[in-house]
């Protein structure tokens, strides 16, 4: 996206990314949002020849599940229910 483009394009890209990830899952392909490509885009700008006048809005990693050790990692994060309360 042009760095000068309207911010509503960010919303469109987010909606597309979600659809892409859901569709991939439906076809047996796992995915992960690659936030680093958006927050620190210099690598992609350099590797793909993207000019600085363009903004990277999304990054998605796609692949097939395996039993590799990295996929068994679980963080020590707080449980969502311990930090979030939704009331009506």
PDB file of N, CA and C in Angstrom:
ATOM      1  N   UNK A   1       0.843  -1.172   0.000  1.00  0.00           N
ATOM      2  CA  UNK A   1       0.000   0.000   0.000  1.00  0.00           C
ATOM      3  C   UNK A   1       0.882   1.226   0.000  1.00  0.00           C
ATOM      4  N   UNK A   2       0.447   2.250  -0.669  1.00  0.00           N
ATOM      5  CA  UNK A   2       1.192   3.499  -0.658  1.00  0.00           C
ATOM      6  C   UNK A   2       1.250   4.034   0.770  1.00  0.00           C
ATOM      7  N   UNK A   3       2.401   4.496   1.174  1.00  0.00           N
ATOM      8  CA  UNK A   3       2.556   5.079   2.519  1.00  0.00           C
ATOM      9  C   UNK A   3       1.639   6.282   2.696  1.00  0.00           C
ATOM     10  N   UNK A   4       1.187   6.863   1.600  1.00  0.00           N
ATOM     11  CA  UNK A   4       0.287   8.014   1.652  1.00  0.00           C
ATOM     12  C   UNK A   4      -1.184   7.609   1.538  1.00  0.00           C
ATOM     13  N   UNK A   5      -1.440   6.300   1.437  1.00  0.00           N
ATOM     14  CA  UNK A   5      -2.810   5.806   1.227  1.00  0.00           C
ATOM     15  C   UNK A   5      -3.701   6.003   2.440  1.00  0.00           C
ATOM     16  N   UNK A   6      -5.004   5.908   2.224  1.00  0.00           N
ATOM     17  CA  UNK A   6      -5.961   6.090   3.319  1.00  0.00           C
ATOM     18  C   UNK A   6      -5.887   4.936   4.326  1.00  0.00           C
ATOM     19  N   UNK A   7      -6.139   5.252   5.586  1.00  0.00           N
ATOM     20  CA  UNK A   7      -6.026   4.242   6.631  1.00  0.00           C
ATOM     21  C   UNK A   7      -7.088   3.145   6.543  1.00  0.00           C
ATOM     22  N   UNK A   8      -8.202   3.399   5.841  1.00  0.00           N
ATOM     23  CA  UNK A   8      -9.203   2.339   5.726  1.00  0.00           C
ATOM     24  C   UNK A   8      -8.643   1.137   4.976  1.00  0.00           C
ATOM     25  N   UNK A   9      -7.585   1.323   4.193  1.00  0.00           N
ATOM     26  CA  UNK A   9      -6.952   0.194   3.514  1.00  0.00           C
ATOM     27  C   UNK A   9      -6.346  -0.793   4.514  1.00  0.00           C
ATOM     28  N   UNK A  10      -5.964  -0.289   5.684  1.00  0.00           N
ATOM     29  CA  UNK A  10      -5.434  -1.157   6.731  1.00  0.00           C
ATOM     30  C   UNK A  10      -6.524  -2.127   7.186  1.00  0.00           C
ATOM     31  N   UNK A  11      -7.728  -1.624   7.362  1.00  0.00           N
ATOM     32  CA  UNK A  11      -8.862  -2.476   7.746  1.00  0.00           C
ATOM     33  C   UNK A  11      -9.102  -3.536   6.682  1.00  0.00           C
ATOM     34  N   UNK A  12      -9.099  -3.140   5.421  1.00  0.00           N
ATOM     35  CA  UNK A  12      -9.310  -4.096   4.330  1.00  0.00           C
ATOM     36  C   UNK A  12      -8.249  -5.189   4.342  1.00  0.00           C
ATOM     37  N   UNK A  13      -7.012  -4.804   4.572  1.00  0.00           N
ATOM     38  CA  UNK A  13      -5.919  -5.788   4.602  1.00  0.00           C
ATOM     39  C   UNK A  13      -6.107  -6.753   5.766  1.00  0.00           C
ATOM     40  N   UNK A  14      -6.544  -6.250   6.920  1.00  0.00           N
ATOM     41  CA  UNK A  14      -6.794  -7.116   8.070  1.00  0.00           C
ATOM     42  C   UNK A  14      -7.899  -8.111   7.791  1.00  0.00           C
ATOM     43  N   UNK A  15      -8.957  -7.644   7.153  1.00  0.00           N
ATOM     44  CA  UNK A  15     -10.071  -8.540   6.807  1.00  0.00           C
ATOM     45  C   UNK A  15      -9.601  -9.601   5.803  1.00  0.00           C
ATOM     46  N   UNK A  16      -8.783  -9.194   4.843  1.00  0.00           N
ATOM     47  CA  UNK A  16      -8.257 -10.151   3.869  1.00  0.00           C
ATOM     48  C   UNK A  16      -7.353 -11.172   4.558  1.00  0.00           C
ATOM     49  N   UNK A  17      -6.492 -10.700   5.464  1.00  0.00           N
ATOM     50  CA  UNK A  17      -5.578 -11.611   6.165  1.00  0.00           C
ATOM     51  C   UNK A  17      -6.363 -12.662   6.951  1.00  0.00           C
ATOM     52  N   UNK A  18      -7.404 -12.231   7.646  1.00  0.00           N
ATOM     53  CA  UNK A  18      -8.232 -13.177   8.394  1.00  0.00           C
ATOM     54  C   UNK A  18      -8.858 -14.204   7.447  1.00  0.00           C
ATOM     55  N   UNK A  19      -9.404 -13.750   6.329  1.00  0.00           N
ATOM     56  CA  UNK A  19     -10.021 -14.664   5.358  1.00  0.00           C
ATOM     57  C   UNK A  19      -8.991 -15.636   4.795  1.00  0.00           C
ATOM     58  N   UNK A  20      -7.805 -15.148   4.510  1.00  0.00           N
ATOM     59  CA  UNK A  20      -6.733 -15.995   3.988  1.00  0.00           C
ATOM     60  C   UNK A  20      -6.377 -17.085   4.996  1.00  0.00           C
ATOM     61  N   UNK A  21      -6.241 -16.700   6.262  1.00  0.00           N
ATOM     62  CA  UNK A  21      -5.864 -17.665   7.291  1.00  0.00           C
ATOM     63  C   UNK A  21      -6.969 -18.701   7.524  1.00  0.00           C
ATOM     64  N   UNK A  22      -8.220 -18.264   7.509  1.00  0.00           N
ATOM     65  CA  UNK A  22      -9.336 -19.199   7.679  1.00  0.00           C
ATOM     66  C   UNK A  22      -9.446 -20.150   6.486  1.00  0.00           C
ATOM     67  N   UNK A  23      -9.257 -19.621   5.293  1.00  0.00           N
ATOM     68  CA  UNK A  23      -9.318 -20.458   4.097  1.00  0.00           C
ATOM     69  C   UNK A  23      -8.173 -21.475   4.097  1.00  0.00           C
ATOM     70  N   UNK A  24      -6.982 -21.030   4.488  1.00  0.00           N
ATOM     71  CA  UNK A  24      -5.846 -21.950   4.552  1.00  0.00           C
ATOM     72  C   UNK A  24      -6.145 -23.102   5.501  1.00  0.00           C
ATOM     73  N   UNK A  25      -6.672 -22.767   6.676  1.00  0.00           N
ATOM     74  CA  UNK A  25      -7.015 -23.802   7.657  1.00  0.00           C
ATOM     75  C   UNK A  25      -8.037 -24.783   7.081  1.00  0.00           C
ATOM     76  N   UNK A  26      -8.996 -24.250   6.354  1.00  0.00           N
ATOM     77  CA  UNK A  26     -10.021 -25.088   5.734  1.00  0.00           C
ATOM     78  C   UNK A  26      -9.419 -26.047   4.702  1.00  0.00           C
ATOM     79  N   UNK A  27      -8.245 -25.700   4.192  1.00  0.00           N
ATOM     80  CA  UNK A  27      -7.561 -26.553   3.216  1.00  0.00           C
ATOM     81  C   UNK A  27      -6.403 -27.334   3.847  1.00  0.00           C
ATOM     82  N   UNK A  28      -6.371 -27.396   5.189  1.00  0.00           N
ATOM     83  CA  UNK A  28      -5.353 -28.193   5.870  1.00  0.00           C
ATOM     84  C   UNK A  28      -4.007 -27.525   6.016  1.00  0.00           C
ATOM     85  N   UNK A  29      -3.968 -26.214   5.848  1.00  0.00           N
ATOM     86  CA  UNK A  29      -2.712 -25.465   5.962  1.00  0.00           C
ATOM     87  C   UNK A  29      -2.805 -24.549   7.176  1.00  0.00           C
ATOM     88  N   UNK A  30      -1.820 -24.649   8.070  1.00  0.00           N
ATOM     89  CA  UNK A  30      -1.805 -23.780   9.241  1.00  0.00           C
ATOM     90  C   UNK A  30      -1.184 -22.442   8.877  1.00  0.00           C
ATOM     91  N   UNK A  31      -1.431 -21.444   9.728  1.00  0.00           N
ATOM     92  CA  UNK A  31      -0.906 -20.112   9.453  1.00  0.00           C
ATOM     93  C   UNK A  31      -0.609 -19.389  10.758  1.00  0.00           C
ATOM     94  N   UNK A  32       0.182 -18.337  10.636  1.00  0.00           N
ATOM     95  CA  UNK A  32       0.478 -17.474  11.769  1.00  0.00           C
ATOM     96  C   UNK A  32       0.660 -16.059  11.235  1.00  0.00           C
ATOM     97  N   UNK A  33       0.093 -15.106  11.955  1.00  0.00           N
ATOM     98  CA  UNK A  33       0.284 -13.711  11.565  1.00  0.00           C
ATOM     99  C   UNK A  33       1.732 -13.329  11.871  1.00  0.00           C
ATOM    100  N   UNK A  34       2.427 -12.822  10.890  1.00  0.00           N
ATOM    101  CA  UNK A  34       3.837 -12.451  11.035  1.00  0.00           C
ATOM    102  C   UNK A  34       3.927 -10.947  11.285  1.00  0.00           C
ATOM    103  N   UNK A  35       3.672 -10.565  12.516  1.00  0.00           N
ATOM    104  CA  UNK A  35       3.612  -9.151  12.891  1.00  0.00           C
ATOM    105  C   UNK A  35       4.936  -8.434  12.627  1.00  0.00           C
ATOM    106  N   UNK A  36       6.050  -9.138  12.760  1.00  0.00           N
ATOM    107  CA  UNK A  36       7.360  -8.498  12.565  1.00  0.00           C
ATOM    108  C   UNK A  36       7.506  -7.925  11.158  1.00  0.00           C
ATOM    109  N   UNK A  37       6.868  -8.545  10.163  1.00  0.00           N
ATOM    110  CA  UNK A  37       6.956  -8.012   8.804  1.00  0.00           C
ATOM    111  C   UNK A  37       6.296  -6.640   8.696  1.00  0.00           C
ATOM    112  N   UNK A  38       5.309  -6.393   9.553  1.00  0.00           N
ATOM    113  CA  UNK A  38       4.597  -5.119   9.527  1.00  0.00           C
ATOM    114  C   UNK A  38       5.291  -4.089  10.412  1.00  0.00           C
ATOM    115  N   UNK A  39       5.716  -4.527  11.603  1.00  0.00           N
ATOM    116  CA  UNK A  39       6.321  -3.587  12.549  1.00  0.00           C
ATOM    117  C   UNK A  39       7.785  -3.289  12.250  1.00  0.00           C
ATOM    118  N   UNK A  40       8.466  -4.187  11.568  1.00  0.00           N
ATOM    119  CA  UNK A  40       9.872  -3.987  11.193  1.00  0.00           C
ATOM    120  C   UNK A  40      10.060  -4.462   9.759  1.00  0.00           C
ATOM    121  N   UNK A  41       9.539  -3.709   8.795  1.00  0.00           N
ATOM    122  CA  UNK A  41       9.457  -4.182   7.411  1.00  0.00           C
ATOM    123  C   UNK A  41      10.734  -4.075   6.584  1.00  0.00           C
ATOM    124  N   UNK A  42      11.830  -3.590   7.152  1.00  0.00           N
ATOM    125  CA  UNK A  42      13.018  -3.334   6.339  1.00  0.00           C
ATOM    126  C   UNK A  42      13.519  -4.585   5.616  1.00  0.00           C
ATOM    127  N   UNK A  43      13.405  -5.764   6.237  1.00  0.00           N
ATOM    128  CA  UNK A  43      13.854  -7.001   5.594  1.00  0.00           C
ATOM    129  C   UNK A  43      13.077  -7.246   4.309  1.00  0.00           C
ATOM    130  N   UNK A  44      11.753  -7.155   4.379  1.00  0.00           N
ATOM    131  CA  UNK A  44      10.943  -7.384   3.175  1.00  0.00           C
ATOM    132  C   UNK A  44      11.166  -6.302   2.131  1.00  0.00           C
ATOM    133  N   UNK A  45      11.306  -5.076   2.574  1.00  0.00           N
ATOM    134  CA  UNK A  45      11.582  -3.995   1.615  1.00  0.00           C
ATOM    135  C   UNK A  45      12.854  -4.308   0.832  1.00  0.00           C
ATOM    136  N   UNK A  46      13.881  -4.759   1.559  1.00  0.00           N
ATOM    137  CA  UNK A  46      15.161  -5.053   0.906  1.00  0.00           C
ATOM    138  C   UNK A  46      15.068  -6.301   0.036  1.00  0.00           C
ATOM    139  N   UNK A  47      14.571  -7.400   0.579  1.00  0.00           N
ATOM    140  CA  UNK A  47      14.545  -8.677  -0.151  1.00  0.00           C
ATOM    141  C   UNK A  47      13.625  -8.662  -1.364  1.00  0.00           C
ATOM    142  N   UNK A  48      12.495  -7.965  -1.256  1.00  0.00           N
ATOM    143  CA  UNK A  48      11.523  -7.966  -2.340  1.00  0.00           C
ATOM    144  C   UNK A  48      11.590  -6.720  -3.216  1.00  0.00           C
ATOM    145  N   UNK A  49      12.508  -5.822  -2.883  1.00  0.00           N
ATOM    146  CA  UNK A  49      12.654  -4.610  -3.683  1.00  0.00           C
ATOM    147  C   UNK A  49      11.463  -3.667  -3.582  1.00  0.00           C
ATOM    148  N   UNK A  50      10.821  -3.648  -2.421  1.00  0.00           N
ATOM    149  CA  UNK A  50       9.667  -2.768  -2.213  1.00  0.00           C
ATOM    150  C   UNK A  50      10.179  -1.380  -1.869  1.00  0.00           C
ATOM    151  N   UNK A  51       9.754  -0.366  -2.600  1.00  0.00           N
ATOM    152  CA  UNK A  51      10.248   0.987  -2.316  1.00  0.00           C
ATOM    153  C   UNK A  51       9.751   1.503  -0.961  1.00  0.00           C
ATOM    154  N   UNK A  52      10.512   2.405  -0.372  1.00  0.00           N
ATOM    155  CA  UNK A  52      10.139   2.982   0.921  1.00  0.00           C
ATOM    156  C   UNK A  52       8.821   3.741   0.867  1.00  0.00           C
ATOM    157  N   UNK A  53       8.381   4.099  -0.321  1.00  0.00           N
ATOM    158  CA  UNK A  53       7.114   4.815  -0.463  1.00  0.00           C
ATOM    159  C   UNK A  53       5.909   3.883  -0.314  1.00  0.00           C
ATOM    160  N   UNK A  54       6.174   2.571  -0.176  1.00  0.00           N
ATOM    161  CA  UNK A  54       5.112   1.584  -0.006  1.00  0.00           C
ATOM    162  C   UNK A  54       5.133   1.050   1.422  1.00  0.00           C
ATOM    163  N   UNK A  55       3.951   0.762   1.955  1.00  0.00           N
ATOM    164  CA  UNK A  55       3.788   0.263   3.321  1.00  0.00           C
ATOM    165  C   UNK A  55       3.363  -1.205   3.265  1.00  0.00           C
ATOM    166  N   UNK A  56       3.963  -2.022   4.119  1.00  0.00           N
ATOM    167  CA  UNK A  56       3.566  -3.430   4.226  1.00  0.00           C
ATOM    168  C   UNK A  56       2.481  -3.519   5.284  1.00  0.00           C
ATOM    169  N   UNK A  57       1.337  -4.073   4.907  1.00  0.00           N
ATOM    170  CA  UNK A  57       0.187  -4.104   5.804  1.00  0.00           C
ATOM    171  C   UNK A  57      -0.023  -5.430   6.499  1.00  0.00           C
ATOM    172  N   UNK A  58       0.503  -6.493   5.956  1.00  0.00           N
ATOM    173  CA  UNK A  58       0.269  -7.797   6.572  1.00  0.00           C
ATOM    174  C   UNK A  58       1.378  -8.762   6.201  1.00  0.00           C
ATOM    175  N   UNK A  59       1.533  -9.753   7.034  1.00  0.00           N
ATOM    176  CA  UNK A  59       2.468 -10.828   6.762  1.00  0.00           C
ATOM    177  C   UNK A  59       1.879 -12.102   7.347  1.00  0.00           C
ATOM    178  N   UNK A  60       1.867 -13.166   6.578  1.00  0.00           N
ATOM    179  CA  UNK A  60       1.297 -14.428   7.043  1.00  0.00           C
ATOM    180  C   UNK A  60       2.276 -15.541   6.716  1.00  0.00           C
ATOM    181  N   UNK A  61       2.558 -16.355   7.721  1.00  0.00           N
ATOM    182  CA  UNK A  61       3.339 -17.559   7.495  1.00  0.00           C
ATOM    183  C   UNK A  61       2.380 -18.712   7.265  1.00  0.00           C
ATOM    184  N   UNK A  62       2.619 -19.499   6.234  1.00  0.00           N
ATOM    185  CA  UNK A  62       1.758 -20.636   5.904  1.00  0.00           C
ATOM    186  C   UNK A  62       2.593 -21.907   5.879  1.00  0.00           C
ATOM    187  N   UNK A  63       2.022 -22.995   6.364  1.00  0.00           N
ATOM    188  CA  UNK A  63       2.752 -24.257   6.315  1.00  0.00           C
ATOM    189  C   UNK A  63       1.922 -25.404   6.841  1.00  0.00           C
ATOM    190  N   UNK A  64       2.468 -26.595   6.709  1.00  0.00           N
ATOM    191  CA  UNK A  64       1.794 -27.791   7.182  1.00  0.00           C
ATOM    192  C   UNK A  64       2.278 -28.148   8.584  1.00  0.00           C
ATOM    193  N   UNK A  65       1.354 -28.579   9.413  1.00  0.00           N
ATOM    194  CA  UNK A  65       1.658 -28.941  10.800  1.00  0.00           C
ATOM    195  C   UNK A  65       2.627 -30.115  10.833  1.00  0.00           C
ATOM    196  N   UNK A  66       3.517 -30.099  11.801  1.00  0.00           N
ATOM    197  CA  UNK A  66       4.425 -31.222  12.010  1.00  0.00           C
ATOM    198  C   UNK A  66       4.578 -31.436  13.514  1.00  0.00           C
ATOM    199  N   UNK A  67       5.249 -32.494  13.893  1.00  0.00           N
ATOM    200  CA  UNK A  67       5.474 -32.749  15.311  1.00  0.00           C
ATOM    201  C   UNK A  67       6.853 -32.265  15.751  1.00  0.00           C
ATOM    202  N   UNK A  68       7.413 -31.315  15.019  1.00  0.00           N
ATOM    203  CA  UNK A  68       8.709 -30.741  15.383  1.00  0.00           C
ATOM    204  C   UNK A  68       8.640 -30.130  16.784  1.00  0.00           C
ATOM    205  N   UNK A  69       9.754 -30.117  17.470  1.00  0.00           N
ATOM    206  CA  UNK A  69       9.816 -29.629  18.854  1.00  0.00           C
ATOM    207  C   UNK A  69       9.266 -28.215  19.000  1.00  0.00           C
ATOM    208  N   UNK A  70       9.520 -27.353  18.041  1.00  0.00           N
ATOM    209  CA  UNK A  70       9.052 -25.968  18.133  1.00  0.00           C
ATOM    210  C   UNK A  70       7.534 -25.907  18.234  1.00  0.00           C
ATOM    211  N   UNK A  71       6.838 -26.856  17.653  1.00  0.00           N
ATOM    212  CA  UNK A  71       5.378 -26.858  17.683  1.00  0.00           C
ATOM    213  C   UNK A  71       4.804 -27.340  19.012  1.00  0.00           C
ATOM    214  N   UNK A  72       5.661 -27.862  19.874  1.00  0.00           N
ATOM    215  CA  UNK A  72       5.206 -28.288  21.198  1.00  0.00           C
ATOM    216  C   UNK A  72       5.449 -27.210  22.258  1.00  0.00           C
ATOM    217  N   UNK A  73       6.062 -26.113  21.864  1.00  0.00           N
ATOM    218  CA  UNK A  73       6.339 -25.020  22.806  1.00  0.00           C
ATOM    219  C   UNK A  73       5.040 -24.406  23.319  1.00  0.00           C
ATOM    220  N   UNK A  74       4.981 -24.149  24.591  1.00  0.00           N
ATOM    221  CA  UNK A  74       3.860 -23.445  25.204  1.00  0.00           C
ATOM    222  C   UNK A  74       4.432 -22.366  26.109  1.00  0.00           C
ATOM    223  N   UNK A  75       3.960 -21.158  25.960  1.00  0.00           N
ATOM    224  CA  UNK A  75       4.481 -20.047  26.764  1.00  0.00           C
ATOM    225  C   UNK A  75       3.920 -20.108  28.179  1.00  0.00           C
ATOM    226  N   UNK A  76       4.524 -19.336  29.050  1.00  0.00           N
ATOM    227  CA  UNK A  76       4.081 -19.237  30.437  1.00  0.00           C
ATOM    228  C   UNK A  76       3.143 -18.061  30.628  1.00  0.00           C
ATOM    229  N   UNK A  77       2.403 -17.695  29.610  1.00  0.00           N
ATOM    230  CA  UNK A  77       1.479 -16.568  29.697  1.00  0.00           C
ATOM    231  C   UNK A  77       0.374 -16.832  30.703  1.00  0.00           C
ATOM    232  N   UNK A  78      -0.196 -15.728  31.147  1.00  0.00           N
ATOM    233  CA  UNK A  78      -1.375 -15.829  32.000  1.00  0.00           C
ATOM    234  C   UNK A  78      -2.527 -16.401  31.180  1.00  0.00           C
ATOM    235  N   UNK A  79      -3.391 -17.143  31.811  1.00  0.00           N
ATOM    236  CA  UNK A  79      -4.582 -17.645  31.135  1.00  0.00           C
ATOM    237  C   UNK A  79      -5.503 -16.456  30.843  1.00  0.00           C
ATOM    238  N   UNK A  80      -6.126 -16.466  29.687  1.00  0.00           N
ATOM    239  CA  UNK A  80      -7.003 -15.376  29.288  1.00  0.00           C
ATOM    240  C   UNK A  80      -8.074 -15.125  30.354  1.00  0.00           C
ATOM    241  N   UNK A  81      -8.664 -16.198  30.858  1.00  0.00           N
ATOM    242  CA  UNK A  81      -9.745 -16.030  31.837  1.00  0.00           C
ATOM    243  C   UNK A  81      -9.252 -15.409  33.157  1.00  0.00           C
ATOM    244  N   UNK A  82      -7.929 -15.426  33.393  1.00  0.00           N
ATOM    245  CA  UNK A  82      -7.381 -14.801  34.597  1.00  0.00           C
ATOM    246  C   UNK A  82      -7.192 -13.290  34.440  1.00  0.00           C
ATOM    247  N   UNK A  83      -7.198 -12.806  33.192  1.00  0.00           N
ATOM    248  CA  UNK A  83      -6.953 -11.372  32.988  1.00  0.00           C
ATOM    249  C   UNK A  83      -8.067 -10.657  32.231  1.00  0.00           C
ATOM    250  N   UNK A  84      -9.058 -11.408  31.760  1.00  0.00           N
ATOM    251  CA  UNK A  84     -10.130 -10.818  30.976  1.00  0.00           C
ATOM    252  C   UNK A  84     -11.481 -11.198  31.554  1.00  0.00           C
ATOM    253  N   UNK A  85     -12.317 -10.217  31.697  1.00  0.00           N
ATOM    254  CA  UNK A  85     -13.672 -10.456  32.182  1.00  0.00           C
ATOM    255  C   UNK A  85     -14.636  -9.716  31.273  1.00  0.00           C
ATOM    256  N   UNK A  86     -15.598 -10.433  30.712  1.00  0.00           N
ATOM    257  CA  UNK A  86     -16.598  -9.823  29.835  1.00  0.00           C
ATOM    258  C   UNK A  86     -17.938  -9.852  30.551  1.00  0.00           C
ATOM    259  N   UNK A  87     -18.505  -8.688  30.747  1.00  0.00           N
ATOM    260  CA  UNK A  87     -19.808  -8.603  31.411  1.00  0.00           C
ATOM    261  C   UNK A  87     -20.811  -7.949  30.468  1.00  0.00           C
ATOM    262  N   UNK A  88     -22.060  -8.244  30.726  1.00  0.00           N
ATOM    263  CA  UNK A  88     -23.104  -7.664  29.883  1.00  0.00           C
ATOM    264  C   UNK A  88     -23.961  -6.739  30.682  1.00  0.00           C
TER     265      UNK A  88
END
